[in-house]
N, C-alpha and C. Protein backbone atom coordinates (compact mmCIF):
# COMPACT_ATOMS: atom_id res chain seq x y z
N UNK A 1 -6.45 6.02 35.76
CA UNK A 1 -7.76 5.64 36.24
C UNK A 1 -8.77 6.73 36.02
N UNK A 2 -8.35 7.96 36.27
CA UNK A 2 -9.29 9.11 36.12
C UNK A 2 -9.69 9.31 34.66
N UNK A 3 -8.85 8.94 33.74
CA UNK A 3 -9.13 9.08 32.35
C UNK A 3 -10.23 8.12 31.96
N UNK A 4 -10.16 6.91 32.52
CA UNK A 4 -11.15 5.87 32.26
C UNK A 4 -12.57 6.30 32.76
N UNK A 5 -12.59 6.87 33.96
CA UNK A 5 -13.82 7.37 34.52
C UNK A 5 -14.37 8.46 33.70
N UNK A 6 -13.48 9.42 33.26
CA UNK A 6 -13.92 10.53 32.43
C UNK A 6 -14.59 9.99 31.13
N UNK A 7 -14.02 9.00 30.45
CA UNK A 7 -14.59 8.47 29.23
C UNK A 7 -15.90 7.79 29.49
N UNK A 8 -16.05 7.10 30.62
CA UNK A 8 -17.29 6.46 30.95
C UNK A 8 -18.40 7.55 31.15
N UNK A 9 -18.08 8.58 31.85
CA UNK A 9 -19.07 9.64 32.08
C UNK A 9 -19.39 10.29 30.74
N UNK A 10 -18.36 10.54 29.90
CA UNK A 10 -18.62 11.11 28.57
C UNK A 10 -19.56 10.23 27.77
N UNK A 11 -19.31 8.91 27.76
CA UNK A 11 -20.14 8.02 27.04
C UNK A 11 -21.56 8.06 27.51
N UNK A 12 -21.78 8.10 28.79
CA UNK A 12 -23.09 8.16 29.36
C UNK A 12 -23.79 9.44 28.99
N UNK A 13 -23.05 10.58 29.00
CA UNK A 13 -23.60 11.88 28.59
C UNK A 13 -24.06 11.89 27.15
N UNK A 14 -23.20 11.29 26.32
CA UNK A 14 -23.52 11.22 24.84
C UNK A 14 -24.75 10.35 24.66
N UNK A 15 -24.78 9.19 25.36
CA UNK A 15 -25.95 8.33 25.27
C UNK A 15 -27.24 9.06 25.75
N UNK A 16 -27.13 9.78 26.83
CA UNK A 16 -28.24 10.50 27.37
C UNK A 16 -28.68 11.61 26.36
N UNK A 17 -27.72 12.27 25.71
CA UNK A 17 -28.02 13.27 24.72
C UNK A 17 -28.75 12.69 23.55
N UNK A 18 -28.33 11.51 23.14
CA UNK A 18 -29.00 10.84 21.95
C UNK A 18 -30.39 10.47 22.35
N UNK A 19 -30.61 10.00 23.59
CA UNK A 19 -31.95 9.63 24.05
C UNK A 19 -32.84 10.86 24.11
N UNK A 20 -32.31 11.98 24.58
CA UNK A 20 -33.06 13.20 24.59
C UNK A 20 -33.44 13.67 23.24
N UNK A 21 -32.48 13.53 22.31
CA UNK A 21 -32.74 14.01 20.94
C UNK A 21 -33.82 13.15 20.31
N UNK A 22 -33.73 11.84 20.47
CA UNK A 22 -34.77 10.96 19.85
C UNK A 22 -36.11 11.16 20.47
N UNK A 23 -36.15 11.43 21.80
CA UNK A 23 -37.44 11.76 22.48
C UNK A 23 -38.03 13.04 21.92
N UNK A 24 -37.15 14.04 21.73
CA UNK A 24 -37.64 15.33 21.23
C UNK A 24 -38.16 15.14 19.77
N UNK A 25 -37.51 14.32 18.96
CA UNK A 25 -37.95 14.17 17.60
C UNK A 25 -39.26 13.39 17.56
N UNK A 26 -39.49 12.47 18.45
CA UNK A 26 -40.70 11.68 18.44
C UNK A 26 -41.89 12.48 18.95
N UNK A 27 -41.70 13.44 19.85
CA UNK A 27 -42.83 14.18 20.44
C UNK A 27 -43.13 15.49 19.68
N UNK A 28 -42.15 16.02 19.08
CA UNK A 28 -42.39 17.32 18.38
C UNK A 28 -41.90 17.17 16.95
N UNK A 29 -42.72 17.01 15.99
CA UNK A 29 -42.34 16.79 14.64
C UNK A 29 -41.62 18.00 14.02
N UNK A 30 -41.86 19.17 14.54
CA UNK A 30 -41.18 20.40 13.99
C UNK A 30 -39.99 20.77 14.85
N UNK A 31 -39.37 19.77 15.51
CA UNK A 31 -38.27 20.04 16.40
C UNK A 31 -37.02 20.57 15.72
N UNK A 32 -36.94 20.30 14.42
CA UNK A 32 -35.78 20.79 13.66
C UNK A 32 -35.76 22.29 13.58
N UNK A 33 -36.94 22.89 13.68
CA UNK A 33 -36.99 24.32 13.49
C UNK A 33 -36.84 25.08 14.80
N UNK A 34 -36.83 24.42 15.97
CA UNK A 34 -36.67 25.07 17.23
C UNK A 34 -35.28 24.90 17.79
N UNK A 35 -34.88 25.78 18.71
CA UNK A 35 -33.55 25.73 19.25
C UNK A 35 -33.37 24.56 20.26
N UNK A 36 -32.09 24.33 20.60
CA UNK A 36 -31.79 23.27 21.57
C UNK A 36 -32.42 23.51 22.91
N UNK A 37 -32.47 24.77 23.39
CA UNK A 37 -33.02 25.09 24.67
C UNK A 37 -34.53 24.83 24.66
N UNK A 38 -35.11 25.14 23.56
CA UNK A 38 -36.60 24.93 23.44
C UNK A 38 -36.91 23.44 23.39
N UNK A 39 -35.98 22.71 22.75
CA UNK A 39 -36.25 21.24 22.67
C UNK A 39 -36.13 20.63 24.11
N UNK A 40 -35.14 21.10 24.86
CA UNK A 40 -34.94 20.57 26.20
C UNK A 40 -36.18 20.90 27.10
N UNK A 41 -36.64 22.14 26.98
CA UNK A 41 -37.83 22.52 27.81
C UNK A 41 -39.05 21.71 27.36
N UNK A 42 -39.21 21.46 26.04
CA UNK A 42 -40.28 20.69 25.55
C UNK A 42 -40.24 19.26 26.08
N UNK A 43 -39.01 18.65 26.10
CA UNK A 43 -38.85 17.34 26.65
C UNK A 43 -39.17 17.26 28.12
N UNK A 44 -38.70 18.27 28.87
CA UNK A 44 -38.98 18.32 30.31
C UNK A 44 -40.48 18.42 30.59
N UNK A 45 -41.17 19.27 29.83
CA UNK A 45 -42.60 19.41 29.98
C UNK A 45 -43.38 18.15 29.61
N UNK A 46 -42.94 17.55 28.48
CA UNK A 46 -43.61 16.34 27.98
C UNK A 46 -43.36 15.12 28.86
N UNK A 47 -42.20 15.02 29.48
CA UNK A 47 -41.88 13.86 30.25
C UNK A 47 -42.27 13.98 31.70
N UNK A 48 -42.63 15.17 32.13
CA UNK A 48 -43.03 15.44 33.50
C UNK A 48 -41.91 15.06 34.46
N UNK A 49 -40.66 15.22 34.05
CA UNK A 49 -39.51 14.96 34.91
C UNK A 49 -39.03 13.50 34.92
N UNK A 50 -39.78 12.62 34.29
CA UNK A 50 -39.37 11.20 34.26
C UNK A 50 -38.67 10.94 32.93
N UNK A 51 -37.36 10.72 33.01
CA UNK A 51 -36.58 10.40 31.81
C UNK A 51 -35.91 9.09 32.06
N UNK A 52 -36.05 8.17 31.16
CA UNK A 52 -35.52 6.84 31.26
C UNK A 52 -34.37 6.65 30.24
N UNK A 53 -33.23 6.17 30.73
CA UNK A 53 -32.10 5.86 29.78
C UNK A 53 -31.99 4.38 29.76
N UNK A 54 -32.10 3.82 28.57
CA UNK A 54 -31.97 2.39 28.34
C UNK A 54 -30.62 2.12 27.65
N UNK A 55 -29.77 1.38 28.39
CA UNK A 55 -28.49 0.97 27.83
C UNK A 55 -28.39 -0.55 27.95
N UNK A 56 -28.01 -1.17 26.87
CA UNK A 56 -27.92 -2.63 26.87
C UNK A 56 -26.99 -3.12 27.97
N UNK A 57 -27.29 -4.19 28.66
CA UNK A 57 -26.47 -4.73 29.76
C UNK A 57 -25.04 -5.01 29.34
N UNK A 58 -24.85 -5.46 28.04
CA UNK A 58 -23.53 -5.73 27.53
C UNK A 58 -22.69 -4.48 27.50
N UNK A 59 -23.31 -3.36 27.10
CA UNK A 59 -22.57 -2.08 27.05
C UNK A 59 -22.21 -1.62 28.45
N UNK A 60 -23.13 -1.72 29.38
CA UNK A 60 -22.82 -1.34 30.78
C UNK A 60 -21.68 -2.17 31.30
N UNK A 61 -21.67 -3.45 31.01
CA UNK A 61 -20.57 -4.30 31.49
C UNK A 61 -19.23 -3.89 30.81
N UNK A 62 -19.25 -3.57 29.60
CA UNK A 62 -18.01 -3.09 28.92
C UNK A 62 -17.54 -1.81 29.50
N UNK A 63 -18.43 -0.90 29.88
CA UNK A 63 -18.04 0.40 30.41
C UNK A 63 -17.42 0.23 31.75
N UNK A 64 -18.00 -0.52 32.63
CA UNK A 64 -17.58 -0.60 34.03
C UNK A 64 -16.67 -1.79 34.38
N UNK A 65 -16.33 -2.64 33.43
CA UNK A 65 -15.43 -3.76 33.73
C UNK A 65 -13.99 -3.35 33.52
N UNK A 66 -13.06 -3.96 34.29
CA UNK A 66 -11.66 -3.71 34.16
C UNK A 66 -11.07 -4.69 33.11
N UNK A 67 -10.33 -4.18 32.13
CA UNK A 67 -9.77 -5.05 31.12
C UNK A 67 -8.60 -5.93 31.69
N UNK A 68 -8.92 -7.06 32.29
CA UNK A 68 -7.96 -7.89 32.95
C UNK A 68 -6.99 -8.56 31.98
N UNK A 69 -7.49 -8.96 30.76
CA UNK A 69 -6.62 -9.63 29.77
C UNK A 69 -5.53 -8.65 29.32
N UNK A 70 -5.88 -7.46 29.10
CA UNK A 70 -4.89 -6.48 28.65
C UNK A 70 -3.76 -6.26 29.66
N UNK A 71 -4.13 -6.33 30.96
CA UNK A 71 -3.09 -6.15 32.02
C UNK A 71 -2.14 -7.36 32.01
N UNK A 72 -2.70 -8.57 31.88
CA UNK A 72 -1.87 -9.77 31.90
C UNK A 72 -0.95 -9.88 30.70
N UNK A 73 -1.39 -9.45 29.51
CA UNK A 73 -0.64 -9.59 28.31
C UNK A 73 0.15 -8.39 27.96
N UNK A 74 0.40 -7.51 28.88
CA UNK A 74 1.12 -6.24 28.58
C UNK A 74 2.57 -6.56 28.16
N UNK A 75 3.01 -5.84 27.17
CA UNK A 75 4.39 -6.06 26.63
C UNK A 75 5.37 -5.62 27.74
N UNK A 76 6.58 -6.21 27.73
CA UNK A 76 7.57 -5.82 28.77
C UNK A 76 7.83 -4.32 28.85
N UNK A 77 7.77 -3.64 27.69
CA UNK A 77 8.02 -2.19 27.76
C UNK A 77 6.93 -1.43 28.41
N UNK A 78 5.73 -2.03 28.56
CA UNK A 78 4.63 -1.36 29.19
C UNK A 78 4.53 -1.65 30.69
N UNK A 79 5.22 -2.69 31.17
CA UNK A 79 5.11 -3.04 32.56
C UNK A 79 5.90 -2.04 33.41
N UNK A 80 5.44 -1.86 34.67
CA UNK A 80 6.11 -0.95 35.58
C UNK A 80 7.42 -1.56 35.96
N UNK A 81 8.47 -0.74 35.93
CA UNK A 81 9.77 -1.16 36.18
C UNK A 81 10.03 -1.08 37.68
N UNK A 82 10.66 -2.10 38.29
CA UNK A 82 10.96 -2.19 39.67
C UNK A 82 12.30 -1.48 39.93
N UNK A 83 12.39 -0.79 41.04
CA UNK A 83 13.65 -0.07 41.37
C UNK A 83 14.78 -1.04 41.76
N UNK A 84 14.47 -2.29 42.09
CA UNK A 84 15.46 -3.24 42.50
C UNK A 84 16.16 -3.92 41.29
N UNK A 85 15.67 -3.74 40.09
CA UNK A 85 16.21 -4.40 38.91
C UNK A 85 17.24 -3.49 38.19
N UNK A 86 18.35 -3.36 38.80
CA UNK A 86 19.40 -2.51 38.13
C UNK A 86 20.09 -3.32 37.10
N UNK A 87 20.42 -2.63 36.00
CA UNK A 87 21.10 -3.32 34.93
C UNK A 87 21.58 -2.27 33.91
N UNK A 88 21.65 -2.66 32.65
CA UNK A 88 22.18 -1.72 31.60
C UNK A 88 21.29 -1.79 30.35
N UNK A 89 21.25 -0.68 29.67
CA UNK A 89 20.60 -0.58 28.34
C UNK A 89 21.61 0.07 27.45
N UNK A 90 21.31 -0.03 26.15
CA UNK A 90 22.13 0.62 25.11
C UNK A 90 21.39 1.84 24.59
N UNK A 91 21.99 3.02 24.77
CA UNK A 91 21.34 4.20 24.24
C UNK A 91 21.78 4.46 22.81
N UNK A 92 20.80 4.45 21.92
CA UNK A 92 21.08 4.61 20.46
C UNK A 92 20.70 6.02 20.02
N UNK A 93 20.02 6.76 20.86
CA UNK A 93 19.67 8.12 20.51
C UNK A 93 19.45 8.92 21.78
N UNK A 94 20.05 10.10 21.84
CA UNK A 94 19.86 10.97 22.97
C UNK A 94 20.24 12.36 22.56
N UNK A 95 19.26 13.20 22.24
CA UNK A 95 19.54 14.54 21.77
C UNK A 95 18.55 15.55 22.32
N UNK A 96 18.99 16.77 22.34
CA UNK A 96 18.05 17.94 22.63
C UNK A 96 18.07 18.84 21.46
N UNK A 97 17.06 19.63 21.35
CA UNK A 97 17.00 20.58 20.24
C UNK A 97 15.56 20.85 19.81
N UNK A 98 15.35 20.84 18.56
CA UNK A 98 13.99 21.17 17.99
C UNK A 98 13.03 20.03 18.40
N UNK A 99 12.12 20.32 19.32
CA UNK A 99 11.18 19.28 19.81
C UNK A 99 10.24 18.75 18.75
N UNK A 100 10.01 19.54 17.74
CA UNK A 100 9.11 19.11 16.66
C UNK A 100 9.68 17.89 15.86
N UNK A 101 11.01 17.88 15.72
CA UNK A 101 11.58 16.77 14.93
C UNK A 101 12.21 15.68 15.80
N UNK A 102 12.54 15.98 17.03
CA UNK A 102 13.24 14.98 17.87
C UNK A 102 12.40 13.73 18.10
N UNK A 103 11.16 13.84 18.40
CA UNK A 103 10.34 12.67 18.65
C UNK A 103 10.31 11.71 17.49
N UNK A 104 10.13 12.28 16.32
CA UNK A 104 10.03 11.40 15.07
C UNK A 104 11.44 10.88 14.78
N UNK A 105 12.53 11.57 14.96
CA UNK A 105 13.82 11.06 14.68
C UNK A 105 14.19 9.94 15.72
N UNK A 106 13.75 10.12 16.94
CA UNK A 106 14.01 9.15 17.97
C UNK A 106 13.29 7.80 17.68
N UNK A 107 12.03 7.95 17.25
CA UNK A 107 11.27 6.73 16.86
C UNK A 107 11.83 6.03 15.62
N UNK A 108 12.30 6.86 14.67
CA UNK A 108 12.85 6.35 13.47
C UNK A 108 14.10 5.54 13.79
N UNK A 109 14.94 6.06 14.69
CA UNK A 109 16.11 5.33 15.07
C UNK A 109 15.80 3.99 15.75
N UNK A 110 14.76 4.01 16.60
CA UNK A 110 14.36 2.76 17.23
C UNK A 110 13.83 1.80 16.19
N UNK A 111 13.08 2.23 15.21
CA UNK A 111 12.54 1.39 14.14
C UNK A 111 13.68 0.77 13.35
N UNK A 112 14.72 1.55 13.13
CA UNK A 112 15.89 1.01 12.38
C UNK A 112 16.55 -0.13 13.15
N UNK A 113 16.68 0.03 14.44
CA UNK A 113 17.28 -0.99 15.28
C UNK A 113 16.41 -2.23 15.28
N UNK A 114 15.10 -2.08 15.41
CA UNK A 114 14.19 -3.26 15.43
C UNK A 114 14.11 -3.94 14.13
N UNK A 115 14.30 -3.18 12.99
CA UNK A 115 14.31 -3.82 11.68
C UNK A 115 15.45 -4.76 11.50
N UNK A 116 16.63 -4.34 12.00
CA UNK A 116 17.84 -5.13 11.84
C UNK A 116 18.00 -6.16 12.96
N UNK A 117 17.49 -5.84 14.17
CA UNK A 117 17.64 -6.78 15.29
C UNK A 117 16.28 -7.07 15.93
N UNK A 118 15.54 -7.92 15.32
CA UNK A 118 14.14 -8.25 15.86
C UNK A 118 14.24 -8.88 17.26
N UNK A 119 15.37 -9.33 17.72
CA UNK A 119 15.49 -9.90 19.07
C UNK A 119 15.23 -8.82 20.12
N UNK A 120 15.27 -7.54 19.79
CA UNK A 120 15.03 -6.46 20.74
C UNK A 120 13.54 -6.05 20.77
N UNK A 121 12.70 -6.75 20.01
CA UNK A 121 11.32 -6.38 20.01
C UNK A 121 10.75 -6.54 21.44
N UNK A 122 10.07 -5.51 21.93
CA UNK A 122 9.58 -5.48 23.35
C UNK A 122 10.59 -4.95 24.26
N UNK A 123 11.76 -4.59 23.79
CA UNK A 123 12.85 -4.09 24.62
C UNK A 123 13.29 -2.72 24.08
N UNK A 124 12.46 -2.00 23.42
CA UNK A 124 12.77 -0.65 22.92
C UNK A 124 12.07 0.32 23.82
N UNK A 125 12.82 1.30 24.31
CA UNK A 125 12.33 2.29 25.31
C UNK A 125 12.60 3.70 24.76
N UNK A 126 11.53 4.40 24.40
CA UNK A 126 11.58 5.76 23.86
C UNK A 126 10.91 6.59 24.89
N UNK A 127 11.65 7.66 25.33
CA UNK A 127 11.07 8.56 26.33
C UNK A 127 11.72 9.92 26.22
N UNK A 128 11.09 10.85 26.88
CA UNK A 128 11.62 12.24 26.89
C UNK A 128 11.71 12.80 28.29
N UNK A 129 12.83 13.43 28.54
CA UNK A 129 13.01 14.27 29.71
C UNK A 129 13.42 15.61 29.16
N UNK A 130 12.47 16.48 29.13
CA UNK A 130 12.63 17.73 28.44
C UNK A 130 13.89 18.44 28.79
N UNK A 131 14.63 18.90 27.82
CA UNK A 131 14.40 19.02 26.39
C UNK A 131 14.96 17.86 25.61
N UNK A 132 15.37 16.75 26.23
CA UNK A 132 16.02 15.64 25.54
C UNK A 132 15.03 14.49 25.20
N UNK A 133 15.32 13.77 24.14
CA UNK A 133 14.64 12.56 23.76
C UNK A 133 15.64 11.44 23.75
N UNK A 134 15.21 10.24 24.22
CA UNK A 134 16.11 9.11 24.30
C UNK A 134 15.45 7.91 23.67
N UNK A 135 16.29 7.06 23.13
CA UNK A 135 15.90 5.72 22.65
C UNK A 135 16.94 4.79 23.18
N UNK A 136 16.46 3.85 23.96
CA UNK A 136 17.36 2.85 24.59
C UNK A 136 16.81 1.42 24.25
N UNK A 137 17.76 0.51 24.17
CA UNK A 137 17.45 -0.85 23.78
C UNK A 137 17.95 -1.87 24.75
N UNK A 138 17.19 -2.86 25.02
CA UNK A 138 17.69 -4.05 25.77
C UNK A 138 17.43 -3.94 27.27
N UNK A 139 17.68 -5.13 27.85
CA UNK A 139 17.62 -5.31 29.32
C UNK A 139 18.77 -6.23 29.67
N UNK A 140 19.95 -5.67 29.96
CA UNK A 140 21.14 -6.44 30.19
C UNK A 140 21.50 -6.44 31.65
N UNK A 141 21.77 -7.56 32.25
CA UNK A 141 22.11 -7.65 33.67
C UNK A 141 23.53 -7.11 33.96
N UNK A 142 24.44 -7.40 33.03
CA UNK A 142 25.82 -7.00 33.32
C UNK A 142 26.32 -6.00 32.24
N UNK A 143 27.33 -5.28 32.64
CA UNK A 143 27.98 -4.31 31.72
C UNK A 143 28.61 -5.01 30.53
N UNK A 144 29.13 -6.21 30.74
CA UNK A 144 29.78 -6.94 29.68
C UNK A 144 28.77 -7.34 28.58
N UNK A 145 27.54 -7.83 29.03
CA UNK A 145 26.52 -8.17 28.02
C UNK A 145 26.13 -6.98 27.23
N UNK A 146 25.98 -5.83 27.88
CA UNK A 146 25.54 -4.58 27.25
C UNK A 146 26.63 -4.10 26.27
N UNK A 147 27.95 -4.22 26.64
CA UNK A 147 29.02 -3.75 25.80
C UNK A 147 29.14 -4.65 24.56
N UNK A 148 28.89 -5.92 24.69
CA UNK A 148 28.91 -6.83 23.50
C UNK A 148 27.80 -6.48 22.54
N UNK A 149 26.63 -6.22 23.06
CA UNK A 149 25.50 -5.85 22.21
C UNK A 149 25.72 -4.49 21.54
N UNK A 150 26.32 -3.56 22.33
CA UNK A 150 26.58 -2.23 21.78
C UNK A 150 27.57 -2.32 20.65
N UNK A 151 28.53 -3.22 20.73
CA UNK A 151 29.49 -3.46 19.63
C UNK A 151 28.77 -3.93 18.36
N UNK A 152 27.77 -4.89 18.56
CA UNK A 152 26.99 -5.34 17.43
C UNK A 152 26.23 -4.17 16.76
N UNK A 153 25.65 -3.31 17.60
CA UNK A 153 24.91 -2.15 17.05
C UNK A 153 25.82 -1.24 16.37
N UNK A 154 27.03 -0.95 16.91
CA UNK A 154 27.94 -0.06 16.22
C UNK A 154 28.43 -0.54 14.84
N UNK A 155 28.64 -1.84 14.76
CA UNK A 155 28.97 -2.47 13.48
C UNK A 155 27.84 -2.41 12.50
N UNK A 156 26.61 -2.59 12.97
CA UNK A 156 25.46 -2.60 12.11
C UNK A 156 25.05 -1.18 11.65
N UNK A 157 25.34 -0.12 12.46
CA UNK A 157 24.97 1.20 12.19
C UNK A 157 26.17 2.14 12.32
N UNK A 158 27.13 2.10 11.42
CA UNK A 158 28.32 2.94 11.56
C UNK A 158 27.98 4.43 11.46
N UNK A 159 26.90 4.81 10.80
CA UNK A 159 26.54 6.21 10.70
C UNK A 159 26.17 6.88 12.03
N UNK A 160 25.76 6.12 13.02
CA UNK A 160 25.61 6.76 14.33
C UNK A 160 26.27 5.96 15.41
N UNK A 161 27.42 5.31 15.09
CA UNK A 161 28.12 4.51 16.03
C UNK A 161 28.71 5.38 17.20
N UNK A 162 29.02 6.63 16.91
CA UNK A 162 29.56 7.49 17.94
C UNK A 162 28.54 7.87 19.03
N UNK A 163 27.28 7.70 18.69
CA UNK A 163 26.23 8.02 19.66
C UNK A 163 25.81 6.86 20.56
N UNK A 164 26.19 5.62 20.12
CA UNK A 164 25.76 4.41 20.86
C UNK A 164 26.65 4.20 22.09
N UNK A 165 26.00 4.06 23.24
CA UNK A 165 26.73 3.91 24.50
C UNK A 165 25.85 3.07 25.46
N UNK A 166 26.49 2.44 26.44
CA UNK A 166 25.78 1.70 27.45
C UNK A 166 25.46 2.63 28.58
N UNK A 167 24.28 2.48 29.16
CA UNK A 167 23.91 3.33 30.28
C UNK A 167 23.33 2.44 31.38
N UNK A 168 23.60 2.79 32.62
CA UNK A 168 23.03 2.10 33.71
C UNK A 168 21.55 2.53 33.80
N UNK A 169 20.72 1.46 34.06
CA UNK A 169 19.27 1.74 34.03
C UNK A 169 18.53 0.68 34.82
N UNK A 170 17.32 0.96 35.14
CA UNK A 170 16.42 0.01 35.75
C UNK A 170 15.90 -0.84 34.59
N UNK A 171 16.01 -2.20 34.72
CA UNK A 171 15.62 -3.03 33.63
C UNK A 171 14.40 -3.89 33.97
N UNK A 172 13.82 -4.47 32.95
CA UNK A 172 12.76 -5.42 33.09
C UNK A 172 13.32 -6.76 32.93
N UNK A 173 13.32 -7.63 34.00
CA UNK A 173 13.96 -8.95 33.89
C UNK A 173 13.27 -9.82 32.91
N UNK A 174 14.00 -10.69 32.26
CA UNK A 174 13.47 -11.63 31.27
C UNK A 174 12.72 -12.73 31.88
């Protein structure tokens, strides 16, 4: 929430700066030759302290409205997970080491899984708990479901079959 407020304030400051610049250019034709401080003092003297900022009502509404549609249509991986939804996921990547390469290797592994198993789209979870990076797949209610899916992944990816394992996790129910 604080990030959104920060960007709104930043937008207003930029808009205010553009208004000041255009006002300075309209009132002083040689404004390009004077410094920024001189331009500001010239604007303040010329405006006698009255500065008006005109922003289209549509832009004001966009800045201060909450994006309700985005919240409703959030992908399952983006929704907050409830502590009461215990289940299992399949870990396909979990390593520590060179942080510069781990994130990209973790994402690449997840992309490989999604390319071969599109049924896991929206069920790919990539995260970091320093110094480790993890890639987990699925939302399984029982250990048996997760073990069956892990077997499919091991057969599909024998090159990293030894790394694939089921882990107990908080899941997002279907």
